[in-house]
Amino acid sequence: MVKEFSVVMAFDYGLKNIGIAIGQNITKSASTFYAIKAKEGVPDWIKLDSIIEEWEPSLFIIGDPLNMDGTKSEFQKNIAKFS
């Protein structure tokens, strides 16, 4: 049985900014809602926590970019740490 998720929160991780998009089953759409500042990849955890509490997502998605040849990038180490 596949579980339906009501709210999905997706992250576009960066060293200076982290983009956050919200997707919903009700509207069948996703939109970028927030960009929070990060210092050397470390987000403002208090701000991030308040956004998560507000939206109560059922699922988190974090972008995982690859190099143009399909291999893992060095940047993925930072993303894994954030995850």
PDB file of N, CA and C in Angstrom:
ATOM      1  N   MET A   1       0.843  -1.184   0.000  1.00  0.00           N
ATOM      2  CA  MET A   1       0.000   0.000   0.000  1.00  0.00           C
ATOM      3  C   MET A   1       0.887   1.244   0.000  1.00  0.00           C
ATOM      4  N   VAL A   2       0.609   2.179  -0.880  1.00  0.00           N
ATOM      5  CA  VAL A   2       1.372   3.422  -0.970  1.00  0.00           C
ATOM      6  C   VAL A   2       0.714   4.465  -0.086  1.00  0.00           C
ATOM      7  N   LYS A   3       1.505   5.070   0.775  1.00  0.00           N
ATOM      8  CA  LYS A   3       0.983   6.096   1.671  1.00  0.00           C
ATOM      9  C   LYS A   3       0.928   7.440   0.946  1.00  0.00           C
ATOM     10  N   GLU A   4      -0.161   8.123   1.092  1.00  0.00           N
ATOM     11  CA  GLU A   4      -0.298   9.465   0.537  1.00  0.00           C
ATOM     12  C   GLU A   4       0.317  10.468   1.498  1.00  0.00           C
ATOM     13  N   PHE A   5       1.151  11.352   0.982  1.00  0.00           N
ATOM     14  CA  PHE A   5       1.763  12.393   1.787  1.00  0.00           C
ATOM     15  C   PHE A   5       0.994  13.686   1.576  1.00  0.00           C
ATOM     16  N   SER A   6       0.672  14.354   2.656  1.00  0.00           N
ATOM     17  CA  SER A   6      -0.067  15.600   2.515  1.00  0.00           C
ATOM     18  C   SER A   6       0.859  16.773   2.231  1.00  0.00           C
ATOM     19  N   VAL A   7       2.017  16.830   2.883  1.00  0.00           N
ATOM     20  CA  VAL A   7       2.971  17.916   2.660  1.00  0.00           C
ATOM     21  C   VAL A   7       4.362  17.317   2.510  1.00  0.00           C
ATOM     22  N   VAL A   8       5.047  17.721   1.443  1.00  0.00           N
ATOM     23  CA  VAL A   8       6.419  17.305   1.191  1.00  0.00           C
ATOM     24  C   VAL A   8       7.288  18.553   1.226  1.00  0.00           C
ATOM     25  N   MET A   9       8.422  18.485   1.925  1.00  0.00           N
ATOM     26  CA  MET A   9       9.344  19.604   2.004  1.00  0.00           C
ATOM     27  C   MET A   9      10.638  19.206   1.301  1.00  0.00           C
ATOM     28  N   ALA A  10      11.044  20.009   0.311  1.00  0.00           N
ATOM     29  CA  ALA A  10      12.244  19.719  -0.462  1.00  0.00           C
ATOM     30  C   ALA A  10      13.288  20.805  -0.232  1.00  0.00           C
ATOM     31  N   PHE A  11      14.536  20.390  -0.150  1.00  0.00           N
ATOM     32  CA  PHE A  11      15.635  21.308   0.127  1.00  0.00           C
ATOM     33  C   PHE A  11      16.602  21.367  -1.046  1.00  0.00           C
ATOM     34  N   ASP A  12      17.016  22.578  -1.394  1.00  0.00           N
ATOM     35  CA  ASP A  12      18.078  22.823  -2.362  1.00  0.00           C
ATOM     36  C   ASP A  12      19.242  23.382  -1.541  1.00  0.00           C
ATOM     37  N   TYR A  13      20.140  22.501  -1.146  1.00  0.00           N
ATOM     38  CA  TYR A  13      21.204  22.832  -0.207  1.00  0.00           C
ATOM     39  C   TYR A  13      22.307  23.652  -0.874  1.00  0.00           C
ATOM     40  N   GLY A  14      22.752  24.677  -0.165  1.00  0.00           N
ATOM     41  CA  GLY A  14      23.888  25.488  -0.602  1.00  0.00           C
ATOM     42  C   GLY A  14      24.695  25.932   0.591  1.00  0.00           C
ATOM     43  N   LEU A  15      25.907  26.379   0.347  1.00  0.00           N
ATOM     44  CA  LEU A  15      26.782  26.814   1.439  1.00  0.00           C
ATOM     45  C   LEU A  15      26.360  28.157   2.025  1.00  0.00           C
ATOM     46  N   LYS A  16      25.713  29.013   1.206  1.00  0.00           N
ATOM     47  CA  LYS A  16      25.275  30.332   1.677  1.00  0.00           C
ATOM     48  C   LYS A  16      23.770  30.426   1.886  1.00  0.00           C
ATOM     49  N   ASN A  17      23.022  29.683   1.102  1.00  0.00           N
ATOM     50  CA  ASN A  17      21.557  29.688   1.178  1.00  0.00           C
ATOM     51  C   ASN A  17      21.028  28.277   0.989  1.00  0.00           C
ATOM     52  N   ILE A  18      19.896  28.004   1.621  1.00  0.00           N
ATOM     53  CA  ILE A  18      19.219  26.723   1.445  1.00  0.00           C
ATOM     54  C   ILE A  18      17.786  27.032   1.032  1.00  0.00           C
ATOM     55  N   GLY A  19      17.451  26.631  -0.181  1.00  0.00           N
ATOM     56  CA  GLY A  19      16.098  26.846  -0.682  1.00  0.00           C
ATOM     57  C   GLY A  19      15.174  25.756  -0.164  1.00  0.00           C
ATOM     58  N   ILE A  20      13.945  26.149   0.134  1.00  0.00           N
ATOM     59  CA  ILE A  20      12.958  25.191   0.634  1.00  0.00           C
ATOM     60  C   ILE A  20      11.693  25.326  -0.198  1.00  0.00           C
ATOM     61  N   ALA A  21      11.251  24.203  -0.751  1.00  0.00           N
ATOM     62  CA  ALA A  21      10.001  24.165  -1.512  1.00  0.00           C
ATOM     63  C   ALA A  21       9.015  23.287  -0.761  1.00  0.00           C
ATOM     64  N   ILE A  22       7.737  23.622  -0.908  1.00  0.00           N
ATOM     65  CA  ILE A  22       6.663  22.875  -0.266  1.00  0.00           C
ATOM     66  C   ILE A  22       5.751  22.328  -1.356  1.00  0.00           C
ATOM     67  N   GLY A  23       5.491  21.036  -1.285  1.00  0.00           N
ATOM     68  CA  GLY A  23       4.545  20.395  -2.198  1.00  0.00           C
ATOM     69  C   GLY A  23       3.376  19.853  -1.394  1.00  0.00           C
ATOM     70  N   GLN A  24       2.185  19.891  -1.982  1.00  0.00           N
ATOM     71  CA  GLN A  24       0.983  19.446  -1.280  1.00  0.00           C
ATOM     72  C   GLN A  24       0.117  18.581  -2.194  1.00  0.00           C
ATOM     73  N   ASN A  25      -0.467  17.549  -1.613  1.00  0.00           N
ATOM     74  CA  ASN A  25      -1.404  16.705  -2.362  1.00  0.00           C
ATOM     75  C   ASN A  25      -2.686  17.458  -2.681  1.00  0.00           C
ATOM     76  N   ILE A  26      -3.091  18.338  -1.797  1.00  0.00           N
ATOM     77  CA  ILE A  26      -4.368  19.043  -1.983  1.00  0.00           C
ATOM     78  C   ILE A  26      -4.347  19.846  -3.280  1.00  0.00           C
ATOM     79  N   THR A  27      -3.291  20.620  -3.492  1.00  0.00           N
ATOM     80  CA  THR A  27      -3.197  21.466  -4.685  1.00  0.00           C
ATOM     81  C   THR A  27      -2.473  20.779  -5.837  1.00  0.00           C
ATOM     82  N   LYS A  28      -1.848  19.628  -5.544  1.00  0.00           N
ATOM     83  CA  LYS A  28      -1.059  18.907  -6.552  1.00  0.00           C
ATOM     84  C   LYS A  28      -0.002  19.817  -7.174  1.00  0.00           C
ATOM     85  N   SER A  29       0.630  20.637  -6.324  1.00  0.00           N
ATOM     86  CA  SER A  29       1.640  21.566  -6.816  1.00  0.00           C
ATOM     87  C   SER A  29       2.747  21.728  -5.788  1.00  0.00           C
ATOM     88  N   ALA A  30       3.845  22.311  -6.236  1.00  0.00           N
ATOM     89  CA  ALA A  30       4.962  22.631  -5.352  1.00  0.00           C
ATOM     90  C   ALA A  30       5.436  24.035  -5.677  1.00  0.00           C
ATOM     91  N   SER A  31       5.832  24.756  -4.646  1.00  0.00           N
ATOM     92  CA  SER A  31       6.320  26.119  -4.818  1.00  0.00           C
ATOM     93  C   SER A  31       7.467  26.379  -3.860  1.00  0.00           C
ATOM     94  N   THR A  32       8.386  27.222  -4.305  1.00  0.00           N
ATOM     95  CA  THR A  32       9.458  27.651  -3.418  1.00  0.00           C
ATOM     96  C   THR A  32       8.868  28.654  -2.440  1.00  0.00           C
ATOM     97  N   PHE A  33       9.046  28.391  -1.163  1.00  0.00           N
ATOM     98  CA  PHE A  33       8.481  29.263  -0.152  1.00  0.00           C
ATOM     99  C   PHE A  33       9.533  30.012   0.649  1.00  0.00           C
ATOM    100  N   TYR A  34      10.678  29.382   0.844  1.00  0.00           N
ATOM    101  CA  TYR A  34      11.664  29.970   1.737  1.00  0.00           C
ATOM    102  C   TYR A  34      13.064  29.794   1.175  1.00  0.00           C
ATOM    103  N   ALA A  35      13.937  30.695   1.582  1.00  0.00           N
ATOM    104  CA  ALA A  35      15.377  30.529   1.423  1.00  0.00           C
ATOM    105  C   ALA A  35      15.959  31.000   2.749  1.00  0.00           C
ATOM    106  N   ILE A  36      16.654  30.112   3.414  1.00  0.00           N
ATOM    107  CA  ILE A  36      17.253  30.501   4.682  1.00  0.00           C
ATOM    108  C   ILE A  36      18.761  30.629   4.494  1.00  0.00           C
ATOM    109  N   LYS A  37      19.354  31.524   5.233  1.00  0.00           N
ATOM    110  CA  LYS A  37      20.794  31.749   5.170  1.00  0.00           C
ATOM    111  C   LYS A  37      21.530  30.593   5.823  1.00  0.00           C
ATOM    112  N   ALA A  38      22.720  30.335   5.302  1.00  0.00           N
ATOM    113  CA  ALA A  38      23.604  29.329   5.887  1.00  0.00           C
ATOM    114  C   ALA A  38      25.005  29.944   5.964  1.00  0.00           C
ATOM    115  N   LYS A  39      25.751  29.552   6.956  1.00  0.00           N
ATOM    116  CA  LYS A  39      27.141  29.984   7.093  1.00  0.00           C
ATOM    117  C   LYS A  39      28.015  28.761   6.880  1.00  0.00           C
ATOM    118  N   GLU A  40      28.713  28.755   5.746  1.00  0.00           N
ATOM    119  CA  GLU A  40      29.556  27.618   5.364  1.00  0.00           C
ATOM    120  C   GLU A  40      28.762  26.310   5.394  1.00  0.00           C
ATOM    121  N   GLY A  41      27.506  26.380   4.949  1.00  0.00           N
ATOM    122  CA  GLY A  41      26.658  25.194   4.862  1.00  0.00           C
ATOM    123  C   GLY A  41      25.858  24.875   6.104  1.00  0.00           C
ATOM    124  N   VAL A  42      26.070  25.620   7.170  1.00  0.00           N
ATOM    125  CA  VAL A  42      25.332  25.365   8.413  1.00  0.00           C
ATOM    126  C   VAL A  42      24.131  26.307   8.460  1.00  0.00           C
ATOM    127  N   PRO A  43      22.921  25.747   8.422  1.00  0.00           N
ATOM    128  CA  PRO A  43      21.730  26.605   8.419  1.00  0.00           C
ATOM    129  C   PRO A  43      21.426  27.182   9.794  1.00  0.00           C
ATOM    130  N   ASP A  44      20.543  28.143   9.807  1.00  0.00           N
ATOM    131  CA  ASP A  44      19.974  28.651  11.052  1.00  0.00           C
ATOM    132  C   ASP A  44      18.959  27.597  11.499  1.00  0.00           C
ATOM    133  N   TRP A  45      19.397  26.691  12.369  1.00  0.00           N
ATOM    134  CA  TRP A  45      18.564  25.553  12.771  1.00  0.00           C
ATOM    135  C   TRP A  45      17.277  25.990  13.447  1.00  0.00           C
ATOM    136  N   ILE A  46      17.289  27.087  14.174  1.00  0.00           N
ATOM    137  CA  ILE A  46      16.077  27.574  14.839  1.00  0.00           C
ATOM    138  C   ILE A  46      15.047  28.000  13.799  1.00  0.00           C
ATOM    139  N   LYS A  47      15.489  28.727  12.788  1.00  0.00           N
ATOM    140  CA  LYS A  47      14.591  29.156  11.707  1.00  0.00           C
ATOM    141  C   LYS A  47      14.053  27.945  10.953  1.00  0.00           C
ATOM    142  N   LEU A  48      14.937  27.006  10.634  1.00  0.00           N
ATOM    143  CA  LEU A  48      14.516  25.799   9.930  1.00  0.00           C
ATOM    144  C   LEU A  48      13.505  25.007  10.743  1.00  0.00           C
ATOM    145  N   ASP A  49      13.748  24.883  12.029  1.00  0.00           N
ATOM    146  CA  ASP A  49      12.821  24.167  12.915  1.00  0.00           C
ATOM    147  C   ASP A  49      11.450  24.833  12.932  1.00  0.00           C
ATOM    148  N   SER A  50      11.415  26.156  12.940  1.00  0.00           N
ATOM    149  CA  SER A  50      10.122  26.850  12.970  1.00  0.00           C
ATOM    150  C   SER A  50       9.350  26.642  11.666  1.00  0.00           C
ATOM    151  N   ILE A  51      10.059  26.571  10.543  1.00  0.00           N
ATOM    152  CA  ILE A  51       9.399  26.312   9.257  1.00  0.00           C
ATOM    153  C   ILE A  51       8.827  24.892   9.243  1.00  0.00           C
ATOM    154  N   ILE A  52       9.602  23.933   9.750  1.00  0.00           N
ATOM    155  CA  ILE A  52       9.141  22.545   9.805  1.00  0.00           C
ATOM    156  C   ILE A  52       7.933  22.414  10.721  1.00  0.00           C
ATOM    157  N   GLU A  53       7.964  23.079  11.860  1.00  0.00           N
ATOM    158  CA  GLU A  53       6.816  23.043  12.777  1.00  0.00           C
ATOM    159  C   GLU A  53       5.574  23.652  12.138  1.00  0.00           C
ATOM    160  N   GLU A  54       5.765  24.704  11.362  1.00  0.00           N
ATOM    161  CA  GLU A  54       4.633  25.373  10.714  1.00  0.00           C
ATOM    162  C   GLU A  54       3.962  24.470   9.673  1.00  0.00           C
ATOM    163  N   TRP A  55       4.748  23.804   8.849  1.00  0.00           N
ATOM    164  CA  TRP A  55       4.207  23.028   7.738  1.00  0.00           C
ATOM    165  C   TRP A  55       3.952  21.566   8.074  1.00  0.00           C
ATOM    166  N   GLU A  56       4.590  21.019   9.091  1.00  0.00           N
ATOM    167  CA  GLU A  56       4.430  19.621   9.508  1.00  0.00           C
ATOM    168  C   GLU A  56       4.522  18.654   8.325  1.00  0.00           C
ATOM    169  N   PRO A  57       5.663  18.643   7.626  1.00  0.00           N
ATOM    170  CA  PRO A  57       5.779  17.772   6.456  1.00  0.00           C
ATOM    171  C   PRO A  57       5.787  16.289   6.832  1.00  0.00           C
ATOM    172  N   SER A  58       5.278  15.480   5.910  1.00  0.00           N
ATOM    173  CA  SER A  58       5.291  14.029   6.074  1.00  0.00           C
ATOM    174  C   SER A  58       6.528  13.407   5.452  1.00  0.00           C
ATOM    175  N   LEU A  59       7.187  14.166   4.587  1.00  0.00           N
ATOM    176  CA  LEU A  59       8.332  13.651   3.853  1.00  0.00           C
ATOM    177  C   LEU A  59       9.307  14.784   3.560  1.00  0.00           C
ATOM    178  N   PHE A  60      10.595  14.477   3.661  1.00  0.00           N
ATOM    179  CA  PHE A  60      11.652  15.431   3.302  1.00  0.00           C
ATOM    180  C   PHE A  60      12.378  14.898   2.080  1.00  0.00           C
ATOM    181  N   ILE A  61      12.719  15.803   1.163  1.00  0.00           N
ATOM    182  CA  ILE A  61      13.529  15.466  -0.009  1.00  0.00           C
ATOM    183  C   ILE A  61      14.688  16.451  -0.052  1.00  0.00           C
ATOM    184  N   ILE A  62      15.885  15.921  -0.286  1.00  0.00           N
ATOM    185  CA  ILE A  62      17.066  16.779  -0.376  1.00  0.00           C
ATOM    186  C   ILE A  62      17.732  16.515  -1.712  1.00  0.00           C
ATOM    187  N   GLY A  63      17.955  17.590  -2.482  1.00  0.00           N
ATOM    188  CA  GLY A  63      18.614  17.455  -3.777  1.00  0.00           C
ATOM    189  C   GLY A  63      19.982  16.809  -3.623  1.00  0.00           C
ATOM    190  N   ASP A  64      20.321  15.934  -4.554  1.00  0.00           N
ATOM    191  CA  ASP A  64      21.570  15.183  -4.501  1.00  0.00           C
ATOM    192  C   ASP A  64      22.225  15.241  -5.882  1.00  0.00           C
ATOM    193  N   PRO A  65      22.915  16.348  -6.188  1.00  0.00           N
ATOM    194  CA  PRO A  65      23.442  16.533  -7.542  1.00  0.00           C
ATOM    195  C   PRO A  65      24.622  15.611  -7.852  1.00  0.00           C
ATOM    196  N   LEU A  66      24.698  15.257  -9.106  1.00  0.00           N
ATOM    197  CA  LEU A  66      25.819  14.462  -9.609  1.00  0.00           C
ATOM    198  C   LEU A  66      26.652  15.317 -10.559  1.00  0.00           C
ATOM    199  N   ASN A  67      27.865  14.877 -10.822  1.00  0.00           N
ATOM    200  CA  ASN A  67      28.684  15.519 -11.842  1.00  0.00           C
ATOM    201  C   ASN A  67      28.058  15.262 -13.207  1.00  0.00           C
ATOM    202  N   MET A  68      28.494  15.995 -14.209  1.00  0.00           N
ATOM    203  CA  MET A  68      27.938  15.847 -15.556  1.00  0.00           C
ATOM    204  C   MET A  68      28.103  14.428 -16.102  1.00  0.00           C
ATOM    205  N   ASP A  69      29.130  13.700 -15.635  1.00  0.00           N
ATOM    206  CA  ASP A  69      29.339  12.329 -16.117  1.00  0.00           C
ATOM    207  C   ASP A  69      28.601  11.295 -15.267  1.00  0.00           C
ATOM    208  N   GLY A  70      27.781  11.754 -14.308  1.00  0.00           N
ATOM    209  CA  GLY A  70      26.982  10.852 -13.489  1.00  0.00           C
ATOM    210  C   GLY A  70      27.656  10.364 -12.220  1.00  0.00           C
ATOM    211  N   THR A  71      28.894  10.771 -12.005  1.00  0.00           N
ATOM    212  CA  THR A  71      29.596  10.365 -10.784  1.00  0.00           C
ATOM    213  C   THR A  71      29.216  11.284  -9.627  1.00  0.00           C
ATOM    214  N   LYS A  72      29.487  10.830  -8.417  1.00  0.00           N
ATOM    215  CA  LYS A  72      29.196  11.634  -7.230  1.00  0.00           C
ATOM    216  C   LYS A  72      30.131  12.844  -7.180  1.00  0.00           C
ATOM    217  N   SER A  73      29.581  13.947  -6.692  1.00  0.00           N
ATOM    218  CA  SER A  73      30.371  15.173  -6.576  1.00  0.00           C
ATOM    219  C   SER A  73      30.958  15.296  -5.175  1.00  0.00           C
ATOM    220  N   GLU A  74      31.993  16.090  -5.059  1.00  0.00           N
ATOM    221  CA  GLU A  74      32.581  16.376  -3.745  1.00  0.00           C
ATOM    222  C   GLU A  74      31.569  17.087  -2.853  1.00  0.00           C
ATOM    223  N   PHE A  75      30.686  17.867  -3.459  1.00  0.00           N
ATOM    224  CA  PHE A  75      29.690  18.624  -2.712  1.00  0.00           C
ATOM    225  C   PHE A  75      28.716  17.712  -1.971  1.00  0.00           C
ATOM    226  N   GLN A  76      28.566  16.486  -2.435  1.00  0.00           N
ATOM    227  CA  GLN A  76      27.638  15.553  -1.796  1.00  0.00           C
ATOM    228  C   GLN A  76      28.016  15.263  -0.341  1.00  0.00           C
ATOM    229  N   LYS A  77      29.266  15.418   0.015  1.00  0.00           N
ATOM    230  CA  LYS A  77      29.677  15.230   1.418  1.00  0.00           C
ATOM    231  C   LYS A  77      28.979  16.269   2.300  1.00  0.00           C
ATOM    232  N   ASN A  78      28.904  17.505   1.809  1.00  0.00           N
ATOM    233  CA  ASN A  78      28.225  18.566   2.564  1.00  0.00           C
ATOM    234  C   ASN A  78      26.734  18.267   2.675  1.00  0.00           C
ATOM    235  N   ILE A  79      26.144  17.799   1.589  1.00  0.00           N
ATOM    236  CA  ILE A  79      24.719  17.491   1.572  1.00  0.00           C
ATOM    237  C   ILE A  79      24.418  16.351   2.540  1.00  0.00           C
ATOM    238  N   ALA A  80      25.259  15.338   2.552  1.00  0.00           N
ATOM    239  CA  ALA A  80      25.067  14.208   3.463  1.00  0.00           C
ATOM    240  C   ALA A  80      25.132  14.674   4.916  1.00  0.00           C
ATOM    241  N   LYS A  81      26.012  15.584   5.206  1.00  0.00           N
ATOM    242  CA  LYS A  81      26.132  16.129   6.566  1.00  0.00           C
ATOM    243  C   LYS A  81      24.862  16.880   6.953  1.00  0.00           C
ATOM    244  N   PHE A  82      24.327  17.672   6.026  1.00  0.00           N
ATOM    245  CA  PHE A  82      23.083  18.393   6.260  1.00  0.00           C
ATOM    246  C   PHE A  82      21.918  17.421   6.473  1.00  0.00           C
ATOM    247  N   SER A  83      21.893  16.372   5.673  1.00  0.00           N
ATOM    248  CA  SER A  83      20.825  15.368   5.773  1.00  0.00           C
ATOM    249  C   SER A  83      20.780  14.757   7.146  1.00  0.00           C
TER     250      SER A  83
END
